[in-house]
């Protein structure tokens, strides 16, 4: 169960990072960057979209 929770936590973190990056792009209206790629996975009764490419750190 700990491994499942860690995996789910990682997927949620990646999805939240994707949303953060998307909101930043909308605010900056940067059309020069390619859109992020998504895939869907099922976890229980929910479908979760996750990144299919590496996350860039914006720090």
PDB file of N, CA and C in Angstrom:
ATOM      1  N   UNK A   1       0.827  -1.200   0.000  1.00  0.00           N
ATOM      2  CA  UNK A   1       0.000   0.000   0.000  1.00  0.00           C
ATOM      3  C   UNK A   1       0.862   1.250   0.000  1.00  0.00           C
ATOM      4  N   UNK A   2       1.983   1.260   0.734  1.00  0.00           N
ATOM      5  CA  UNK A   2       2.858   2.434   0.748  1.00  0.00           C
ATOM      6  C   UNK A   2       3.361   2.758  -0.651  1.00  0.00           C
ATOM      7  N   UNK A   3       3.728   1.739  -1.413  1.00  0.00           N
ATOM      8  CA  UNK A   3       4.222   1.945  -2.780  1.00  0.00           C
ATOM      9  C   UNK A   3       3.117   2.526  -3.657  1.00  0.00           C
ATOM     10  N   UNK A   4       1.894   2.025  -3.500  1.00  0.00           N
ATOM     11  CA  UNK A   4       0.767   2.548  -4.274  1.00  0.00           C
ATOM     12  C   UNK A   4       0.514   4.013  -3.937  1.00  0.00           C
ATOM     13  N   UNK A   5       0.592   4.351  -2.665  1.00  0.00           N
ATOM     14  CA  UNK A   5       0.380   5.741  -2.248  1.00  0.00           C
ATOM     15  C   UNK A   5       1.486   6.641  -2.778  1.00  0.00           C
ATOM     16  N   UNK A   6       2.725   6.158  -2.768  1.00  0.00           N
ATOM     17  CA  UNK A   6       3.837   6.938  -3.305  1.00  0.00           C
ATOM     18  C   UNK A   6       3.656   7.165  -4.800  1.00  0.00           C
ATOM     19  N   UNK A   7       3.249   6.113  -5.517  1.00  0.00           N
ATOM     20  CA  UNK A   7       3.021   6.240  -6.957  1.00  0.00           C
ATOM     21  C   UNK A   7       1.897   7.228  -7.244  1.00  0.00           C
ATOM     22  N   UNK A   8       0.804   7.119  -6.503  1.00  0.00           N
ATOM     23  CA  UNK A   8      -0.319   8.033  -6.685  1.00  0.00           C
ATOM     24  C   UNK A   8       0.085   9.462  -6.346  1.00  0.00           C
ATOM     25  N   UNK A   9       0.839   9.626  -5.274  1.00  0.00           N
ATOM     26  CA  UNK A   9       1.312  10.951  -4.884  1.00  0.00           C
ATOM     27  C   UNK A   9       2.185  11.560  -5.977  1.00  0.00           C
ATOM     28  N   UNK A  10       3.041  10.760  -6.575  1.00  0.00           N
ATOM     29  CA  UNK A  10       3.900  11.244  -7.657  1.00  0.00           C
ATOM     30  C   UNK A  10       3.069  11.676  -8.863  1.00  0.00           C
ATOM     31  N   UNK A  11       2.057  10.900  -9.205  1.00  0.00           N
ATOM     32  CA  UNK A  11       1.196  11.248 -10.340  1.00  0.00           C
ATOM     33  C   UNK A  11       0.422  12.532 -10.069  1.00  0.00           C
ATOM     34  N   UNK A  12      -0.064  12.690  -8.845  1.00  0.00           N
ATOM     35  CA  UNK A  12      -0.782  13.913  -8.482  1.00  0.00           C
ATOM     36  C   UNK A  12       0.162  15.108  -8.555  1.00  0.00           C
ATOM     37  N   UNK A  13       1.375  14.939  -8.053  1.00  0.00           N
ATOM     38  CA  UNK A  13       2.369  16.013  -8.100  1.00  0.00           C
ATOM     39  C   UNK A  13       2.655  16.411  -9.540  1.00  0.00           C
ATOM     40  N   UNK A  14       2.823  15.428 -10.413  1.00  0.00           N
ATOM     41  CA  UNK A  14       3.085  15.715 -11.826  1.00  0.00           C
ATOM     42  C   UNK A  14       1.900  16.436 -12.467  1.00  0.00           C
ATOM     43  N   UNK A  15       0.692  16.018 -12.142  1.00  0.00           N
ATOM     44  CA  UNK A  15      -0.497  16.668 -12.693  1.00  0.00           C
ATOM     45  C   UNK A  15      -0.621  18.103 -12.199  1.00  0.00           C
ATOM     46  N   UNK A  16      -0.344  18.322 -10.925  1.00  0.00           N
ATOM     47  CA  UNK A  16      -0.389  19.682 -10.385  1.00  0.00           C
ATOM     48  C   UNK A  16       0.671  20.567 -11.027  1.00  0.00           C
ATOM     49  N   UNK A  17       1.848  20.010 -11.272  1.00  0.00           N
ATOM     50  CA  UNK A  17       2.907  20.772 -11.933  1.00  0.00           C
ATOM     51  C   UNK A  17       2.477  21.128 -13.354  1.00  0.00           C
ATOM     52  N   UNK A  18       1.836  20.185 -14.041  1.00  0.00           N
ATOM     53  CA  UNK A  18       1.349  20.446 -15.388  1.00  0.00           C
ATOM     54  C   UNK A  18       0.346  21.596 -15.371  1.00  0.00           C
ATOM     55  N   UNK A  19      -0.589  21.582 -14.399  1.00  0.00           N
ATOM     56  CA  UNK A  19      -1.574  22.659 -14.305  1.00  0.00           C
ATOM     57  C   UNK A  19      -0.896  23.991 -14.019  1.00  0.00           C
ATOM     58  N   UNK A  20       0.104  23.984 -13.155  1.00  0.00           N
ATOM     59  CA  UNK A  20       0.841  25.208 -12.836  1.00  0.00           C
ATOM     60  C   UNK A  20       1.531  25.753 -14.086  1.00  0.00           C
ATOM     61  N   UNK A  21       2.179  24.875 -14.835  1.00  0.00           N
ATOM     62  CA  UNK A  21       2.850  25.292 -16.067  1.00  0.00           C
ATOM     63  C   UNK A  21       1.852  25.818 -17.091  1.00  0.00           C
ATOM     64  N   UNK A  22       0.699  25.169 -17.180  1.00  0.00           N
ATOM     65  CA  UNK A  22      -0.337  25.596 -18.121  1.00  0.00           C
ATOM     66  C   UNK A  22      -0.867  26.971 -17.755  1.00  0.00           C
ATOM     67  N   UNK A  23      -1.126  27.194 -16.474  1.00  0.00           N
ATOM     68  CA  UNK A  23      -1.614  28.507 -16.039  1.00  0.00           C
ATOM     69  C   UNK A  23      -0.576  29.591 -16.308  1.00  0.00           C
ATOM     70  N   UNK A  24       0.686  29.273 -16.108  1.00  0.00           N
ATOM     71  CA  UNK A  24       1.745  30.247 -16.380  1.00  0.00           C
ATOM     72  C   UNK A  24       1.780  30.585 -17.866  1.00  0.00           C
ATOM     73  N   UNK A  25       1.598  29.592 -18.718  1.00  0.00           N
ATOM     74  CA  UNK A  25       1.590  29.842 -20.162  1.00  0.00           C
ATOM     75  C   UNK A  25       0.406  30.709 -20.564  1.00  0.00           C
ATOM     76  N   UNK A  26      -0.747  30.477 -19.959  1.00  0.00           N
ATOM     77  CA  UNK A  26      -1.922  31.283 -20.274  1.00  0.00           C
ATOM     78  C   UNK A  26      -1.689  32.723 -19.845  1.00  0.00           C
ATOM     79  N   UNK A  27      -1.135  32.912 -18.660  1.00  0.00           N
ATOM     80  CA  UNK A  27      -0.866  34.267 -18.170  1.00  0.00           C
ATOM     81  C   UNK A  27       0.131  34.991 -19.062  1.00  0.00           C
ATOM     82  N   UNK A  28       1.168  34.285 -19.494  1.00  0.00           N
ATOM     83  CA  UNK A  28       2.208  34.903 -20.317  1.00  0.00           C
ATOM     84  C   UNK A  28       1.836  34.884 -21.792  1.00  0.00           C
ATOM     85  N   UNK A  29       0.828  34.060 -22.147  1.00  0.00           N
ATOM     86  CA  UNK A  29       0.408  33.908 -23.529  1.00  0.00           C
ATOM     87  C   UNK A  29       1.592  33.560 -24.422  1.00  0.00           C
ATOM     88  N   UNK A  30       2.417  32.630 -23.969  1.00  0.00           N
ATOM     89  CA  UNK A  30       3.610  32.218 -24.704  1.00  0.00           C
ATOM     90  C   UNK A  30       3.239  31.136 -25.710  1.00  0.00           C
ATOM     91  N   UNK A  31       2.989  31.545 -26.930  1.00  0.00           N
ATOM     92  CA  UNK A  31       2.598  30.593 -27.967  1.00  0.00           C
ATOM     93  C   UNK A  31       3.803  29.939 -28.633  1.00  0.00           C
ATOM     94  N   UNK A  32       5.005  30.327 -28.256  1.00  0.00           N
ATOM     95  CA  UNK A  32       6.203  29.739 -28.845  1.00  0.00           C
ATOM     96  C   UNK A  32       6.537  28.386 -28.246  1.00  0.00           C
ATOM     97  N   UNK A  33       6.035  28.111 -27.061  1.00  0.00           N
ATOM     98  CA  UNK A  33       6.285  26.825 -26.424  1.00  0.00           C
ATOM     99  C   UNK A  33       5.237  25.822 -26.880  1.00  0.00           C
ATOM    100  N   UNK A  34       5.681  24.582 -27.091  1.00  0.00           N
ATOM    101  CA  UNK A  34       4.754  23.525 -27.485  1.00  0.00           C
ATOM    102  C   UNK A  34       3.860  23.165 -26.302  1.00  0.00           C
ATOM    103  N   UNK A  35       2.618  22.761 -26.577  1.00  0.00           N
ATOM    104  CA  UNK A  35       1.752  22.336 -25.473  1.00  0.00           C
ATOM    105  C   UNK A  35       2.272  21.059 -24.838  1.00  0.00           C
ATOM    106  N   UNK A  36       1.974  20.876 -23.558  1.00  0.00           N
ATOM    107  CA  UNK A  36       2.387  19.672 -22.859  1.00  0.00           C
ATOM    108  C   UNK A  36       1.557  18.488 -23.331  1.00  0.00           C
ATOM    109  N   UNK A  37       2.172  17.332 -23.383  1.00  0.00           N
ATOM    110  CA  UNK A  37       1.477  16.118 -23.792  1.00  0.00           C
ATOM    111  C   UNK A  37       0.882  15.437 -22.573  1.00  0.00           C
ATOM    112  N   UNK A  38      -0.313  14.890 -22.733  1.00  0.00           N
ATOM    113  CA  UNK A  38      -0.996  14.220 -21.632  1.00  0.00           C
ATOM    114  C   UNK A  38      -1.357  12.793 -22.005  1.00  0.00           C
ATOM    115  N   UNK A  39      -1.521  12.002 -21.003  1.00  0.00           N
ATOM    116  CA  UNK A  39      -2.096  10.670 -21.144  1.00  0.00           C
ATOM    117  C   UNK A  39      -3.020  10.476 -19.959  1.00  0.00           C
ATOM    118  N   UNK A  40      -3.939   9.562 -20.035  1.00  0.00           N
ATOM    119  CA  UNK A  40      -4.864   9.318 -18.929  1.00  0.00           C
ATOM    120  C   UNK A  40      -4.597   7.962 -18.313  1.00  0.00           C
ATOM    121  N   UNK A  41      -4.815   7.880 -17.026  1.00  0.00           N
ATOM    122  CA  UNK A  41      -4.695   6.615 -16.313  1.00  0.00           C
ATOM    123  C   UNK A  41      -5.866   6.505 -15.358  1.00  0.00           C
ATOM    124  N   UNK A  42      -6.302   5.320 -15.079  1.00  0.00           N
ATOM    125  CA  UNK A  42      -7.411   5.115 -14.153  1.00  0.00           C
ATOM    126  C   UNK A  42      -6.883   4.730 -12.784  1.00  0.00           C
ATOM    127  N   UNK A  43      -7.388   5.405 -11.764  1.00  0.00           N
ATOM    128  CA  UNK A  43      -7.052   5.087 -10.379  1.00  0.00           C
ATOM    129  C   UNK A  43      -8.375   4.978  -9.645  1.00  0.00           C
ATOM    130  N   UNK A  44      -8.750   3.767  -9.308  1.00  0.00           N
ATOM    131  CA  UNK A  44     -10.049   3.572  -8.669  1.00  0.00           C
ATOM    132  C   UNK A  44     -11.154   3.992  -9.614  1.00  0.00           C
ATOM    133  N   UNK A  45     -12.003   4.904  -9.175  1.00  0.00           N
ATOM    134  CA  UNK A  45     -13.113   5.384  -9.994  1.00  0.00           C
ATOM    135  C   UNK A  45     -12.769   6.661 -10.750  1.00  0.00           C
ATOM    136  N   UNK A  46     -11.515   7.104 -10.661  1.00  0.00           N
ATOM    137  CA  UNK A  46     -11.133   8.382 -11.247  1.00  0.00           C
ATOM    138  C   UNK A  46     -10.187   8.196 -12.420  1.00  0.00           C
ATOM    139  N   UNK A  47     -10.281   9.095 -13.379  1.00  0.00           N
ATOM    140  CA  UNK A  47      -9.298   9.173 -14.450  1.00  0.00           C
ATOM    141  C   UNK A  47      -8.395  10.353 -14.144  1.00  0.00           C
ATOM    142  N   UNK A  48      -7.100  10.129 -14.195  1.00  0.00           N
ATOM    143  CA  UNK A  48      -6.130  11.170 -13.880  1.00  0.00           C
ATOM    144  C   UNK A  48      -5.256  11.387 -15.103  1.00  0.00           C
ATOM    145  N   UNK A  49      -5.106  12.639 -15.526  1.00  0.00           N
ATOM    146  CA  UNK A  49      -4.207  12.956 -16.628  1.00  0.00           C
ATOM    147  C   UNK A  49      -2.815  13.171 -16.076  1.00  0.00           C
ATOM    148  N   UNK A  50      -1.832  12.575 -16.741  1.00  0.00           N
ATOM    149  CA  UNK A  50      -0.451  12.727 -16.294  1.00  0.00           C
ATOM    150  C   UNK A  50       0.419  13.129 -17.468  1.00  0.00           C
ATOM    151  N   UNK A  51       1.555  13.702 -17.149  1.00  0.00           N
ATOM    152  CA  UNK A  51       2.508  14.110 -18.174  1.00  0.00           C
ATOM    153  C   UNK A  51       3.142  12.915 -18.845  1.00  0.00           C
ATOM    154  N   UNK A  52       3.462  13.076 -20.123  1.00  0.00           N
ATOM    155  CA  UNK A  52       4.201  12.037 -20.829  1.00  0.00           C
ATOM    156  C   UNK A  52       5.578  12.543 -21.219  1.00  0.00           C
ATOM    157  N   UNK A  53       5.945  13.707 -20.693  1.00  0.00           N
ATOM    158  CA  UNK A  53       7.268  14.261 -20.954  1.00  0.00           C
ATOM    159  C   UNK A  53       7.827  14.803 -19.648  1.00  0.00           C
ATOM    160  N   UNK A  54       9.145  14.996 -19.575  1.00  0.00           N
ATOM    161  CA  UNK A  54       9.751  15.463 -18.321  1.00  0.00           C
ATOM    162  C   UNK A  54       9.248  16.845 -17.915  1.00  0.00           C
ATOM    163  N   UNK A  55       9.262  17.076 -16.633  1.00  0.00           N
ATOM    164  CA  UNK A  55       8.864  18.368 -16.079  1.00  0.00           C
ATOM    165  C   UNK A  55      10.089  19.264 -15.999  1.00  0.00           C
ATOM    166  N   UNK A  56       9.933  20.502 -16.474  1.00  0.00           N
ATOM    167  CA  UNK A  56      11.019  21.474 -16.359  1.00  0.00           C
ATOM    168  C   UNK A  56      10.862  22.211 -15.041  1.00  0.00           C
ATOM    169  N   UNK A  57      11.945  22.366 -14.308  1.00  0.00           N
ATOM    170  CA  UNK A  57      11.891  23.154 -13.076  1.00  0.00           C
ATOM    171  C   UNK A  57      11.857  24.625 -13.428  1.00  0.00           C
ATOM    172  N   UNK A  58      10.971  25.360 -12.794  1.00  0.00           N
ATOM    173  CA  UNK A  58      10.855  26.789 -13.070  1.00  0.00           C
ATOM    174  C   UNK A  58      11.369  27.615 -11.899  1.00  0.00           C
ATOM    175  N   UNK A  59      12.211  27.010 -11.073  1.00  0.00           N
ATOM    176  CA  UNK A  59      12.714  27.711  -9.897  1.00  0.00           C
ATOM    177  C   UNK A  59      13.897  28.565 -10.242  1.00  0.00           C
TER     178      UNK A  59
END
